[in-house]
C-alpha atoms as a PDB file:
ATOM      1  CA  MET A   1      33.033 -91.669-115.276  1.00  0.00           C
ATOM      2  CA  PRO A   2      30.971 -93.532-117.884  1.00  0.00           C
ATOM      3  CA  SER A   3      31.399 -97.304-118.059  1.00  0.00           C
ATOM      4  CA  SER A   4      33.552 -98.534-120.934  1.00  0.00           C
ATOM      5  CA  THR A   5      31.009-101.304-121.570  1.00  0.00           C
ATOM      6  CA  THR A   6      28.238-100.664-124.092  1.00  0.00           C
ATOM      7  CA  ILE A   7      25.061-102.530-123.245  1.00  0.00           C
ATOM      8  CA  ALA A   8      22.082-103.194-125.489  1.00  0.00           C
ATOM      9  CA  VAL A   9      18.771-103.784-123.742  1.00  0.00           C
ATOM     10  CA  VAL A  10      16.123-105.456-125.869  1.00  0.00           C
ATOM     11  CA  GLY A  11      12.587-104.559-124.864  1.00  0.00           C
ATOM     12  CA  ALA A  12      11.332-102.097-122.277  1.00  0.00           C
ATOM     13  CA  GLY A  13       8.781-103.996-120.222  1.00  0.00           C
ATOM     14  CA  LYS A  14       8.735-104.954-116.550  1.00  0.00           C
ATOM     15  CA  ILE A  15      12.468-105.818-116.545  1.00  0.00           C
ATOM     16  CA  GLY A  16      13.823-103.863-119.514  1.00  0.00           C
ATOM     17  CA  PHE A  17      12.507-100.424-118.558  1.00  0.00           C
ATOM     18  CA  PRO A  18      13.793-100.359-114.950  1.00  0.00           C
ATOM     19  CA  LEU A  19      17.053-101.954-116.132  1.00  0.00           C
ATOM     20  CA  VAL A  20      17.657 -99.049-118.506  1.00  0.00           C
ATOM     21  CA  SER A  21      17.045 -96.620-115.647  1.00  0.00           C
ATOM     22  CA  ALA A  22      19.452 -98.515-113.386  1.00  0.00           C
ATOM     23  CA  LEU A  23      22.116 -98.621-116.101  1.00  0.00           C
ATOM     24  CA  ALA A  24      21.680 -94.904-116.760  1.00  0.00           C
ATOM     25  CA  ALA A  25      22.237 -94.227-113.061  1.00  0.00           C
ATOM     26  CA  SER A  26      25.495 -96.201-113.368  1.00  0.00           C
ATOM     27  CA  ASN A  27      26.614 -93.971-116.268  1.00  0.00           C
ATOM     28  CA  ALA A  28      26.680 -96.931-118.638  1.00  0.00           C
ATOM     29  CA  ALA A  29      26.564 -96.517-122.398  1.00  0.00           C
ATOM     30  CA  ILE A  30      23.133 -97.884-123.303  1.00  0.00           C
ATOM     31  CA  VAL A  31      21.415 -98.785-126.541  1.00  0.00           C
ATOM     32  CA  VAL A  32      17.754 -99.741-126.248  1.00  0.00           C
ATOM     33  CA  LEU A  33      16.255-101.830-129.023  1.00  0.00           C
ATOM     34  CA  LEU A  34      12.518-101.371-129.314  1.00  0.00           C
ATOM     35  CA  SER A  35       9.896-102.797-131.602  1.00  0.00           C
ATOM     36  CA  ARG A  36       8.673-100.444-134.276  1.00  0.00           C
ATOM     37  CA  ASN A  37       5.753 -99.506-132.020  1.00  0.00           C
ATOM     38  CA  GLY A  38       8.150 -97.745-129.660  1.00  0.00           C
ATOM     39  CA  LEU A  39       7.300 -96.680-126.105  1.00  0.00           C
ATOM     40  CA  PRO A  40       4.129 -95.119-124.705  1.00  0.00           C
ATOM     41  CA  ALA A  41       4.410 -91.368-124.144  1.00  0.00           C
ATOM     42  CA  ASP A  42       4.148 -91.863-120.377  1.00  0.00           C
ATOM     43  CA  LYS A  43       7.298 -94.043-120.286  1.00  0.00           C
ATOM     44  CA  PRO A  44      10.159 -91.746-121.320  1.00  0.00           C
ATOM     45  CA  LEU A  45      13.663 -93.200-121.196  1.00  0.00           C
ATOM     46  CA  PRO A  46      16.468 -91.420-119.319  1.00  0.00           C
ATOM     47  CA  PRO A  47      18.476 -88.753-121.164  1.00  0.00           C
ATOM     48  CA  GLY A  48      21.472 -90.015-123.117  1.00  0.00           C
ATOM     49  CA  VAL A  49      19.991 -93.406-123.923  1.00  0.00           C
ATOM     50  CA  ILE A  50      20.248 -94.313-127.607  1.00  0.00           C
ATOM     51  CA  VAL A  51      17.005 -95.737-128.969  1.00  0.00           C
ATOM     52  CA  GLU A  52      16.839 -97.904-132.080  1.00  0.00           C
ATOM     53  CA  LYS A  53      13.575 -99.236-133.489  1.00  0.00           C
ATOM     54  CA  VAL A  54      14.055-102.555-135.231  1.00  0.00           C
ATOM     55  CA  ASP A  55      12.290-105.860-135.746  1.00  0.00           C
ATOM     56  CA  TYR A  56      14.441-107.645-133.193  1.00  0.00           C
ATOM     57  CA  LEU A  57      12.584-110.927-133.619  1.00  0.00           C
ATOM     58  CA  ALA A  58      13.135-111.261-137.367  1.00  0.00           C
ATOM     59  CA  ASP A  59      15.748-108.907-138.880  1.00  0.00           C
ATOM     60  CA  THR A  60      19.136-110.501-138.160  1.00  0.00           C
ATOM     61  CA  ALA A  61      21.047-108.304-140.608  1.00  0.00           C
ATOM     62  CA  ALA A  62      19.696-105.061-139.146  1.00  0.00           C
ATOM     63  CA  LEU A  63      20.475-106.229-135.622  1.00  0.00           C
ATOM     64  CA  GLU A  64      24.026-107.218-136.529  1.00  0.00           C
ATOM     65  CA  ALA A  65      24.579-103.815-138.138  1.00  0.00           C
ATOM     66  CA  LEU A  66      23.277-102.004-135.041  1.00  0.00           C
ATOM     67  CA  PHE A  67      25.414-104.076-132.679  1.00  0.00           C
ATOM     68  CA  LYS A  68      28.478-103.296-134.785  1.00  0.00           C
ATOM     69  CA  THR A  69      27.660 -99.597-135.212  1.00  0.00           C
ATOM     70  CA  HIS A  70      27.301 -99.075-131.469  1.00  0.00           C
ATOM     71  CA  GLN A  71      30.129-101.500-130.598  1.00  0.00           C
ATOM     72  CA  VAL A  72      27.865-103.393-128.230  1.00  0.00           C
ATOM     73  CA  ASP A  73      29.680-105.522-125.651  1.00  0.00           C
ATOM     74  CA  ALA A  74      26.712-107.098-123.869  1.00  0.00           C
ATOM     75  CA  VAL A  75      23.106-107.761-124.821  1.00  0.00           C
ATOM     76  CA  VAL A  76      20.362-108.159-122.224  1.00  0.00           C
ATOM     77  CA  SER A  77      17.208-109.611-123.710  1.00  0.00           C
ATOM     78  CA  ALA A  78      14.093-108.629-121.794  1.00  0.00           C
ATOM     79  CA  VAL A  79      11.554-109.792-124.354  1.00  0.00           C
ATOM     80  CA  ALA A  80       8.156-111.052-123.254  1.00  0.00           C
ATOM     81  CA  THR A  81       7.688-114.698-122.294  1.00  0.00           C
ATOM     82  CA  GLU A  82       5.542-115.460-125.321  1.00  0.00           C
ATOM     83  CA  VAL A  83       8.384-114.610-127.741  1.00  0.00           C
ATOM     84  CA  VAL A  84      11.295-116.162-125.828  1.00  0.00           C
ATOM     85  CA  ALA A  85      11.734-118.841-128.504  1.00  0.00           C
ATOM     86  CA  LYS A  86      12.389-116.166-131.142  1.00  0.00           C
ATOM     87  CA  GLN A  87      15.565-114.952-129.434  1.00  0.00           C
ATOM     88  CA  THR A  88      17.594-117.063-131.867  1.00  0.00           C
ATOM     89  CA  VAL A  89      17.497-114.043-134.205  1.00  0.00           C
ATOM     90  CA  LEU A  90      19.099-111.857-131.542  1.00  0.00           C
ATOM     91  CA  ILE A  91      21.634-114.550-130.728  1.00  0.00           C
ATOM     92  CA  ASP A  92      22.696-115.014-134.343  1.00  0.00           C
ATOM     93  CA  ALA A  93      23.134-111.259-134.766  1.00  0.00           C
ATOM     94  CA  ALA A  94      25.074-110.938-131.509  1.00  0.00           C
ATOM     95  CA  LYS A  95      27.364-113.812-132.462  1.00  0.00           C
ATOM     96  CA  ALA A  96      28.064-112.312-135.902  1.00  0.00           C
ATOM     97  CA  ALA A  97      28.744-108.884-134.389  1.00  0.00           C
ATOM     98  CA  GLY A  98      31.239-110.178-131.822  1.00  0.00           C
ATOM     99  CA  VAL A  99      29.139-109.451-128.719  1.00  0.00           C
ATOM    100  CA  LYS A 100      30.970-110.625-125.585  1.00  0.00           C
ATOM    101  CA  LEU A 101      27.990-111.575-123.403  1.00  0.00           C
ATOM    102  CA  PHE A 102      24.342-112.420-124.021  1.00  0.00           C
ATOM    103  CA  ILE A 103      21.815-112.523-121.189  1.00  0.00           C
ATOM    104  CA  PRO A 104      18.643-114.268-122.410  1.00  0.00           C
ATOM    105  CA  SER A 105      15.180-113.440-121.149  1.00  0.00           C
ATOM    106  CA  GLU A 106      14.640-115.759-118.181  1.00  0.00           C
ATOM    107  CA  PHE A 107      14.189-113.808-114.937  1.00  0.00           C
ATOM    108  CA  GLY A 108      12.253-116.535-113.194  1.00  0.00           C
ATOM    109  CA  MET A 109      12.461-120.037-111.805  1.00  0.00           C
ATOM    110  CA  VAL A 110      14.911-122.804-112.693  1.00  0.00           C
ATOM    111  CA  SER A 111      14.331-123.915-116.283  1.00  0.00           C
ATOM    112  CA  ASP A 112      17.000-126.613-116.648  1.00  0.00           C
ATOM    113  CA  GLY A 113      15.866-130.122-117.466  1.00  0.00           C
ATOM    114  CA  GLN A 114      12.573-128.988-118.993  1.00  0.00           C
ATOM    115  CA  ALA A 115      12.850-130.172-122.578  1.00  0.00           C
ATOM    116  CA  ALA A 116       9.775-128.295-123.785  1.00  0.00           C
ATOM    117  CA  ASN A 117      10.595-125.029-122.004  1.00  0.00           C
ATOM    118  CA  PRO A 118      11.637-122.405-124.599  1.00  0.00           C
ATOM    119  CA  LYS A 119      13.963-120.789-122.052  1.00  0.00           C
ATOM    120  CA  ASN A 120      15.897-124.028-121.768  1.00  0.00           C
ATOM    121  CA  LYS A 121      15.929-124.424-125.547  1.00  0.00           C
ATOM    122  CA  ILE A 122      17.419-120.937-125.913  1.00  0.00           C
ATOM    123  CA  ALA A 123      20.166-121.839-123.434  1.00  0.00           C
ATOM    124  CA  GLU A 124      20.943-124.919-125.505  1.00  0.00           C
ATOM    125  CA  TYR A 125      21.045-122.778-128.638  1.00  0.00           C
ATOM    126  CA  LEU A 126      23.493-120.364-126.998  1.00  0.00           C
ATOM    127  CA  GLU A 127      25.739-123.316-126.205  1.00  0.00           C
ATOM    128  CA  SER A 128      25.486-124.644-129.746  1.00  0.00           C
ATOM    129  CA  VAL A 129      26.571-121.380-131.394  1.00  0.00           C
ATOM    130  CA  GLY A 130      29.322-120.688-128.868  1.00  0.00           C
ATOM    131  CA  LEU A 131      28.127-117.254-127.736  1.00  0.00           C
ATOM    132  CA  PRO A 132      29.177-116.415-124.146  1.00  0.00           C
ATOM    133  CA  TYR A 133      26.099-116.085-121.974  1.00  0.00           C
ATOM    134  CA  ALA A 134      24.757-115.861-118.447  1.00  0.00           C
ATOM    135  CA  ARG A 135      21.255-116.888-117.413  1.00  0.00           C
ATOM    136  CA  VAL A 136      19.517-115.048-114.571  1.00  0.00           C
ATOM    137  CA  TRP A 137      17.413-117.114-112.186  1.00  0.00           C
ATOM    138  CA  ASN A 138      15.680-115.098-109.485  1.00  0.00           C
ATOM    139  CA  GLY A 139      12.759-117.316-108.512  1.00  0.00           C
ATOM    140  CA  MET A 140       9.522-115.361-108.356  1.00  0.00           C
ATOM    141  CA  LEU A 141       9.352-111.607-108.813  1.00  0.00           C
ATOM    142  CA  THR A 142       8.422-110.514-105.286  1.00  0.00           C
ATOM    143  CA  GLU A 143       6.089-107.847-106.654  1.00  0.00           C
ATOM    144  CA  PHE A 144       4.012-110.634-108.237  1.00  0.00           C
ATOM    145  CA  LEU A 145       3.587-112.559-104.968  1.00  0.00           C
ATOM    146  CA  PRO A 146       0.331-111.072-103.550  1.00  0.00           C
ATOM    147  CA  PHE A 147      -1.396-111.682-106.887  1.00  0.00           C
ATOM    148  CA  PHE A 148       0.187-115.120-107.324  1.00  0.00           C
ATOM    149  CA  VAL A 149      -1.247-116.490-104.076  1.00  0.00           C
ATOM    150  CA  GLY A 150      -4.589-114.718-104.444  1.00  0.00           C
ATOM    151  CA  PHE A 151      -4.049-112.344-101.514  1.00  0.00           C
ATOM    152  CA  SER A 152      -4.797-109.324-103.688  1.00  0.00           C
ATOM    153  CA  GLU A 153      -8.173-110.834-104.626  1.00  0.00           C
ATOM    154  CA  HIS A 154      -9.287-112.825-101.580  1.00  0.00           C
ATOM    155  CA  GLY A 155      -7.178-111.685 -98.632  1.00  0.00           C
ATOM    156  CA  LYS A 156      -5.967-115.265 -98.132  1.00  0.00           C
ATOM    157  CA  ILE A 157      -2.994-117.362 -99.237  1.00  0.00           C
ATOM    158  CA  LYS A 158      -4.417-119.783-101.792  1.00  0.00           C
ATOM    159  CA  ILE A 159      -2.227-122.805-102.480  1.00  0.00           C
ATOM    160  CA  VAL A 160      -2.417-125.565-105.064  1.00  0.00           C
ATOM    161  CA  GLY A 161      -0.383-128.525-103.829  1.00  0.00           C
ATOM    162  CA  LYS A 162       1.451-128.850-100.524  1.00  0.00           C
ATOM    163  CA  GLY A 163       3.043-125.412-100.408  1.00  0.00           C
ATOM    164  CA  ASP A 164       5.893-126.541 -98.147  1.00  0.00           C
ATOM    165  CA  THR A 165       8.773-126.399-100.657  1.00  0.00           C
ATOM    166  CA  PRO A 166      11.165-123.433-100.187  1.00  0.00           C
ATOM    167  CA  MET A 167      11.308-120.983-103.064  1.00  0.00           C
ATOM    168  CA  SER A 168      13.275-117.848-103.933  1.00  0.00           C
ATOM    169  CA  PHE A 169      11.845-114.350-104.237  1.00  0.00           C
ATOM    170  CA  THR A 170      13.667-111.369-105.735  1.00  0.00           C
ATOM    171  CA  SER A 171      12.376-107.867-106.382  1.00  0.00           C
ATOM    172  CA  ILE A 172      12.533-106.190-109.779  1.00  0.00           C
ATOM    173  CA  VAL A 173      14.595-103.338-108.352  1.00  0.00           C
ATOM    174  CA  ASP A 174      17.153-105.827-106.995  1.00  0.00           C
ATOM    175  CA  ILE A 175      17.339-107.787-110.254  1.00  0.00           C
ATOM    176  CA  THR A 176      17.833-104.705-112.397  1.00  0.00           C
ATOM    177  CA  GLY A 177      20.145-103.043-109.902  1.00  0.00           C
ATOM    178  CA  PHE A 178      22.242-106.201-109.744  1.00  0.00           C
ATOM    179  CA  LEU A 179      22.536-106.370-113.528  1.00  0.00           C
ATOM    180  CA  ALA A 180      23.440-102.695-113.758  1.00  0.00           C
ATOM    181  CA  TYR A 181      26.183-103.217-111.174  1.00  0.00           C
ATOM    182  CA  VAL A 182      27.742-106.406-112.526  1.00  0.00           C
ATOM    183  CA  LEU A 183      27.599-105.340-116.171  1.00  0.00           C
ATOM    184  CA  THR A 184      29.561-102.194-115.358  1.00  0.00           C
ATOM    185  CA  SER A 185      31.816-103.501-112.569  1.00  0.00           C
ATOM    186  CA  VAL A 186      32.521-107.203-113.164  1.00  0.00           C
ATOM    187  CA  PRO A 187      34.460-108.581-116.158  1.00  0.00           C
ATOM    188  CA  LEU A 188      31.967-109.973-118.647  1.00  0.00           C
ATOM    189  CA  SER A 189      34.017-113.162-118.877  1.00  0.00           C
ATOM    190  CA  ASP A 190      33.480-113.750-115.143  1.00  0.00           C
ATOM    191  CA  LEU A 191      29.731-113.620-115.692  1.00  0.00           C
ATOM    192  CA  SER A 192      29.784-115.978-118.668  1.00  0.00           C
ATOM    193  CA  ASN A 193      32.056-118.374-116.781  1.00  0.00           C
ATOM    194  CA  ARG A 194      29.322-118.764-114.161  1.00  0.00           C
ATOM    195  CA  ARG A 195      26.747-119.613-116.856  1.00  0.00           C
ATOM    196  CA  ILE A 196      23.913-119.116-114.345  1.00  0.00           C
ATOM    197  CA  LEU A 197      23.488-116.154-111.982  1.00  0.00           C
ATOM    198  CA  ARG A 198      21.364-117.392-109.090  1.00  0.00           C
ATOM    199  CA  LEU A 199      19.736-114.515-107.206  1.00  0.00           C
ATOM    200  CA  GLN A 200      17.630-114.546-104.070  1.00  0.00           C
ATOM    201  CA  GLY A 201      16.271-111.582-102.156  1.00  0.00           C
ATOM    202  CA  ASP A 202      14.209-113.678 -99.753  1.00  0.00           C
ATOM    203  CA  ARG A 203      13.254-117.312 -99.233  1.00  0.00           C
ATOM    204  CA  ALA A 204      10.016-118.836 -97.980  1.00  0.00           C
ATOM    205  CA  THR A 205       7.485-121.596 -98.485  1.00  0.00           C
ATOM    206  CA  LEU A 206       4.005-120.657 -99.644  1.00  0.00           C
ATOM    207  CA  LYS A 207       2.581-121.953 -96.357  1.00  0.00           C
ATOM    208  CA  SER A 208       4.897-119.722 -94.339  1.00  0.00           C
ATOM    209  CA  LEU A 209       3.498-116.612 -96.031  1.00  0.00           C
ATOM    210  CA  ALA A 210       0.267-116.647 -94.013  1.00  0.00           C
ATOM    211  CA  PRO A 211       1.773-115.146 -90.824  1.00  0.00           C
ATOM    212  CA  LEU A 212       3.647-112.540 -92.885  1.00  0.00           C
ATOM    213  CA  PHE A 213       0.411-111.402 -94.515  1.00  0.00           C
ATOM    214  CA  ASN A 214      -1.574-111.843 -91.273  1.00  0.00           C
ATOM    215  CA  THR A 215      -4.024-114.214 -92.892  1.00  0.00           C
ATOM    216  CA  THR A 216      -4.780-117.910 -93.363  1.00  0.00           C
ATOM    217  CA  VAL A 217      -3.955-120.590 -95.919  1.00  0.00           C
ATOM    218  CA  GLU A 218      -6.642-122.030 -98.161  1.00  0.00           C
ATOM    219  CA  HIS A 219      -5.818-125.094-100.268  1.00  0.00           C
ATOM    220  CA  ALA A 220      -7.449-125.411-103.672  1.00  0.00           C
ATOM    221  CA  ASP A 221      -7.394-127.778-106.629  1.00  0.00           C
ATOM    222  CA  ALA A 222      -6.877-124.839-108.977  1.00  0.00           C
ATOM    223  CA  ILE A 223      -6.564-121.069-108.936  1.00  0.00           C
ATOM    224  CA  THR A 224      -9.445-119.240-110.565  1.00  0.00           C
ATOM    225  CA  GLY A 225      -9.605-115.716-111.924  1.00  0.00           C
ATOM    226  CA  PRO A 226      -7.037-113.810-114.004  1.00  0.00           C
ATOM    227  CA  MET A 227      -4.111-115.975-115.144  1.00  0.00           C
ATOM    228  CA  GLY A 228      -5.591-118.808-113.090  1.00  0.00           C
ATOM    229  CA  ASP A 229      -4.213-121.578-115.283  1.00  0.00           C
ATOM    230  CA  LEU A 230      -0.713-120.075-115.207  1.00  0.00           C
ATOM    231  CA  ARG A 231      -0.754-119.588-111.447  1.00  0.00           C
ATOM    232  CA  THR A 232      -2.002-123.146-110.945  1.00  0.00           C
ATOM    233  CA  PHE A 233       0.756-124.518-113.172  1.00  0.00           C
ATOM    234  CA  MET A 234       3.425-122.446-111.416  1.00  0.00           C
ATOM    235  CA  MET A 235       2.333-123.623-107.975  1.00  0.00           C
ATOM    236  CA  ARG A 236       2.585-127.225-109.074  1.00  0.00           C
ATOM    237  CA  MET A 237       6.056-126.512-110.448  1.00  0.00           C
ATOM    238  CA  VAL A 238       7.082-124.867-107.167  1.00  0.00           C
ATOM    239  CA  ASP A 239       6.216-128.107-105.350  1.00  0.00           C
ATOM    240  CA  THR A 240       8.865-129.881-107.482  1.00  0.00           C
ATOM    241  CA  GLY A 241      11.643-127.601-106.175  1.00  0.00           C
ATOM    242  CA  VAL A 242      12.302-125.384-109.204  1.00  0.00           C
ATOM    243  CA  GLY A 243      11.083-122.283-107.374  1.00  0.00           C
ATOM    244  CA  SER A 244      14.413-122.221-105.535  1.00  0.00           C
ATOM    245  CA  THR A 245      17.241-120.751-107.605  1.00  0.00           C
ATOM    246  CA  GLY A 246      19.563-123.372-106.159  1.00  0.00           C
ATOM    247  CA  TRP A 247      17.490-126.374-107.179  1.00  0.00           C
ATOM    248  CA  ASP A 248      19.488-129.010-109.055  1.00  0.00           C
ATOM    249  CA  VAL A 249      17.002-130.743-111.336  1.00  0.00           C
ATOM    250  CA  SER A 250      19.300-133.646-112.207  1.00  0.00           C
ATOM    251  CA  GLN A 251      20.173-134.382-108.561  1.00  0.00           C
ATOM    252  CA  GLN A 252      16.754-133.433-107.185  1.00  0.00           C
ATOM    253  CA  LYS A 253      18.265-131.431-104.346  1.00  0.00           C
ATOM    254  CA  GLU A 254      19.622-127.988-103.492  1.00  0.00           C
ATOM    255  CA  GLY A 255      22.992-127.112-104.985  1.00  0.00           C
ATOM    256  CA  GLU A 256      26.051-125.914-103.089  1.00  0.00           C
ATOM    257  CA  GLY A 257      28.710-123.260-103.655  1.00  0.00           C
ATOM    258  CA  GLU A 258      28.096-121.363-106.899  1.00  0.00           C
ATOM    259  CA  ARG A 259      25.081-123.625-107.475  1.00  0.00           C
ATOM    260  CA  ALA A 260      23.362-122.572-104.257  1.00  0.00           C
ATOM    261  CA  ALA A 261      20.311-120.324-104.137  1.00  0.00           C
ATOM    262  CA  GLY A 262      21.425-116.699-104.048  1.00  0.00           C
ATOM    263  CA  SER A 263      25.053-117.586-104.767  1.00  0.00           C
ATOM    264  CA  ALA A 264      25.419-114.716-107.256  1.00  0.00           C
ATOM    265  CA  ASN A 265      24.311-112.158-104.659  1.00  0.00           C
ATOM    266  CA  ASP A 266      27.932-111.821-103.578  1.00  0.00           C
ATOM    267  CA  LEU A 267      28.797-110.234-106.931  1.00  0.00           C
ATOM    268  CA  TRP A 268      27.077-107.101-105.592  1.00  0.00           C
ATOM    269  CA  PRO A 269      28.992-106.559-102.337  1.00  0.00           C
ATOM    270  CA  GLY A 270      27.384-104.490 -99.617  1.00  0.00           C
ATOM    271  CA  HIS A 271      23.929-104.512-101.167  1.00  0.00           C
ATOM    272  CA  GLN A 272      20.927-105.011 -98.892  1.00  0.00           C
ATOM    273  CA  TRP A 273      18.515-107.287-100.758  1.00  0.00           C
ATOM    274  CA  LYS A 274      14.818-106.549-100.336  1.00  0.00           C
ATOM    275  CA  SER A 275      12.718-108.998 -98.337  1.00  0.00           C
ATOM    276  CA  ILE A 276       9.103-109.976 -98.948  1.00  0.00           C
ATOM    277  CA  LYS A 277       8.150-107.621 -96.117  1.00  0.00           C
ATOM    278  CA  ASP A 278      10.041-104.755 -97.743  1.00  0.00           C
ATOM    279  CA  VAL A 279       8.450-105.182-101.158  1.00  0.00           C
ATOM    280  CA  CYS A 280       4.914-105.958-100.026  1.00  0.00           C
ATOM    281  CA  GLY A 281       4.858-103.301 -97.300  1.00  0.00           C
ATOM    282  CA  LEU A 282       4.167-105.743 -94.478  1.00  0.00           C
END
């Protein structure tokens, strides 16, 4: 039976595209909002998915009309990191259309307490307009790990900083599968009541990765090569604790209960979460 919840997915990148596939497998009613450029020919969406091309970063009126036309219950924003700050347009349209749940584009490490972080600013904006929401913190995408630590390039685990702070890793297939399950099986109000959905497929320190990858650790002042500045910055952030989805920035310690790392995993009962070994083929 199809789900009675209609879900709009904004964007079809590394999270949006597999999320649409997972939702389609759950028989959900799906509306995908794409930029006017659309999708490449080699990335067809599943049958039955409604596709709307709209300027979702600027055209509030068009978005509101689409949300109302399709009677959208939940919006999952999977826009790229560089346009996260522009989600206010989506939020305003969702609020005006009576959307019941908005999931902003986060899908990463803890962003609370970072005044300049656009992800945190969007969460504050959601609070200010009174739109029910749930943020998804999953730590690092496990698929990104070999590149992040330089193993793909150098065959070693390159670390900036100490590398002994535990962090969370979650695979894309687990993140999107989780969202597909909870959006079609859990009351949307239960998700918004949590405010933050803390996922964790595996947990490790950067130092502890060396035995897993059968290699050695090499400390560096900075990561060079593609996205070197970003990787360097992220490693320094990981040392502060925010790589763990349970990190409480205000208390500077791990949270407990629903604030613990991986606490939202229990919303998907019986699921076997993928480990670093599973994802990286170790």
